[in-house]
Amino acid sequence: MSTTLHAKLIDGKPCTVTVGGVVQAARVVNLSTGGATISLTAELGGETSGILCIEQHNIRIPFVVRNVDGDAVRVKFDEADPAIAAVRAVVEKLSAALQSLDTAA
């Protein structure tokens, strides 16, 4: 049984998405250990998988596209991928920071 941790990145962290061998600028809107919502203005060109890179957090992880709604692209990560450890560390850090803000308010 896996536990999916969630963190909402309110300001939309810059990232890059590689689909079909083309690197595109994007923003991560939501991030969890199970996947992400990415704001992407370019078309995916029918691609159903790619690689998400969030350089600020040293994340580079493959994904599968779950659905597209306008410029919101929802992707799923393979929780068995070795890169999920970096995603989990960032989500835990961001979740702790958000909990600290909630407690202070």
Protein backbone atom coordinates (compact mmCIF):
# COMPACT_ATOMS: atom_id res chain seq x y z
CA MET A 1 0.00 0.00 0.00
CA SER A 2 1.46 3.35 -0.98
CA THR A 3 0.81 6.66 0.68
CA THR A 4 0.53 9.61 -1.66
CA LEU A 5 1.71 12.88 -0.16
CA HIS A 6 0.36 16.13 -1.59
CA ALA A 7 1.70 19.68 -1.67
CA LYS A 8 0.09 22.57 -3.49
CA LEU A 9 2.62 24.89 -5.07
CA ILE A 10 0.58 28.07 -5.00
CA ASP A 11 2.97 30.22 -7.03
CA GLY A 12 3.55 27.64 -9.79
CA LYS A 13 7.20 26.61 -9.73
CA PRO A 14 8.97 26.89 -13.10
CA CYS A 15 9.89 23.59 -14.69
CA THR A 16 10.55 22.03 -18.05
CA VAL A 17 8.65 19.22 -19.69
CA THR A 18 10.19 17.04 -22.38
CA VAL A 19 7.62 15.41 -24.66
CA GLY A 20 8.40 13.83 -28.00
CA GLY A 21 12.03 14.95 -27.62
CA VAL A 22 11.01 18.63 -27.39
CA VAL A 23 11.76 20.60 -24.19
CA GLN A 24 9.04 23.08 -23.22
CA ALA A 25 8.86 25.64 -20.41
CA ALA A 26 5.99 25.03 -17.97
CA ARG A 27 4.90 25.58 -14.36
CA VAL A 28 4.04 23.02 -11.69
CA VAL A 29 0.71 23.96 -10.09
CA ASN A 30 0.25 20.88 -7.86
CA LEU A 31 2.77 18.24 -6.88
CA SER A 32 2.33 14.93 -5.09
CA THR A 33 4.27 11.69 -4.93
CA GLY A 34 1.66 10.23 -7.29
CA GLY A 35 1.81 12.93 -9.96
CA ALA A 36 1.43 16.60 -10.76
CA THR A 37 -0.66 19.21 -12.50
CA ILE A 38 1.44 21.20 -14.92
CA SER A 39 0.49 24.45 -16.62
CA LEU A 40 1.66 24.06 -20.19
CA THR A 41 0.78 26.44 -23.00
CA ALA A 42 2.16 24.35 -25.88
CA GLU A 43 0.31 21.39 -27.35
CA LEU A 44 1.50 17.91 -26.39
CA GLY A 45 1.17 16.79 -29.99
CA GLY A 46 -0.61 13.58 -29.02
CA GLU A 47 2.22 12.45 -26.75
CA THR A 48 1.17 10.42 -23.73
CA SER A 49 4.41 10.45 -21.75
CA GLY A 50 7.38 12.64 -21.02
CA ILE A 51 9.84 13.84 -18.40
CA LEU A 52 9.23 16.53 -15.79
CA CYS A 53 12.26 18.52 -14.61
CA ILE A 54 12.09 20.90 -11.65
CA GLU A 55 15.68 22.12 -11.52
CA GLN A 56 15.17 24.15 -8.33
CA HIS A 57 14.55 20.87 -6.49
CA ASN A 58 16.78 18.54 -8.57
CA ILE A 59 13.78 16.54 -9.79
CA ARG A 60 13.81 14.72 -13.13
CA ILE A 61 11.06 12.11 -13.36
CA PRO A 62 9.22 10.35 -16.18
CA PHE A 63 5.44 10.69 -16.34
CA VAL A 64 2.35 9.45 -18.14
CA VAL A 65 -0.34 11.96 -19.13
CA ARG A 66 -3.62 11.26 -17.32
CA ASN A 67 -5.69 14.05 -18.90
CA VAL A 68 -5.55 17.53 -20.37
CA ASP A 69 -7.98 20.34 -19.57
CA GLY A 70 -7.02 23.53 -21.40
CA ASP A 71 -3.45 24.33 -20.34
CA ALA A 72 -3.68 22.05 -17.25
CA VAL A 73 -1.91 18.76 -17.88
CA ARG A 74 -2.37 16.13 -15.18
CA VAL A 75 0.41 13.56 -15.09
CA LYS A 76 1.07 10.39 -13.12
CA PHE A 77 4.44 9.22 -11.81
CA ASP A 78 5.51 5.60 -11.44
CA GLU A 79 5.98 5.25 -7.68
CA ALA A 80 8.56 2.51 -8.32
CA ASP A 81 10.80 4.93 -10.26
CA PRO A 82 14.03 5.73 -8.35
CA ALA A 83 13.42 9.47 -8.93
CA ILE A 84 10.32 9.32 -6.72
CA ALA A 85 12.62 9.68 -3.68
CA ALA A 86 13.48 13.25 -4.76
CA VAL A 87 9.80 14.03 -5.33
CA ARG A 88 8.87 12.60 -1.92
CA ALA A 89 11.57 14.69 -0.18
CA VAL A 90 10.32 17.91 -1.81
CA VAL A 91 6.66 17.14 -1.09
CA GLU A 92 7.47 16.38 2.56
CA LYS A 93 9.45 19.62 2.88
CA LEU A 94 6.69 21.71 1.25
CA SER A 95 3.97 19.99 3.29
CA ALA A 96 5.85 20.73 6.52
CA ALA A 97 6.25 24.37 5.50
CA LEU A 98 2.52 24.65 4.72
CA GLN A 99 1.61 23.06 8.06
CA SER A 100 3.86 25.56 9.84
CA LEU A 101 2.01 28.42 8.10
CA ASP A 102 -1.37 26.93 9.05
CA THR A 103 -0.29 26.62 12.68
CA ALA A 104 1.01 30.19 12.78
CA ALA A 105 -2.24 31.61 11.37
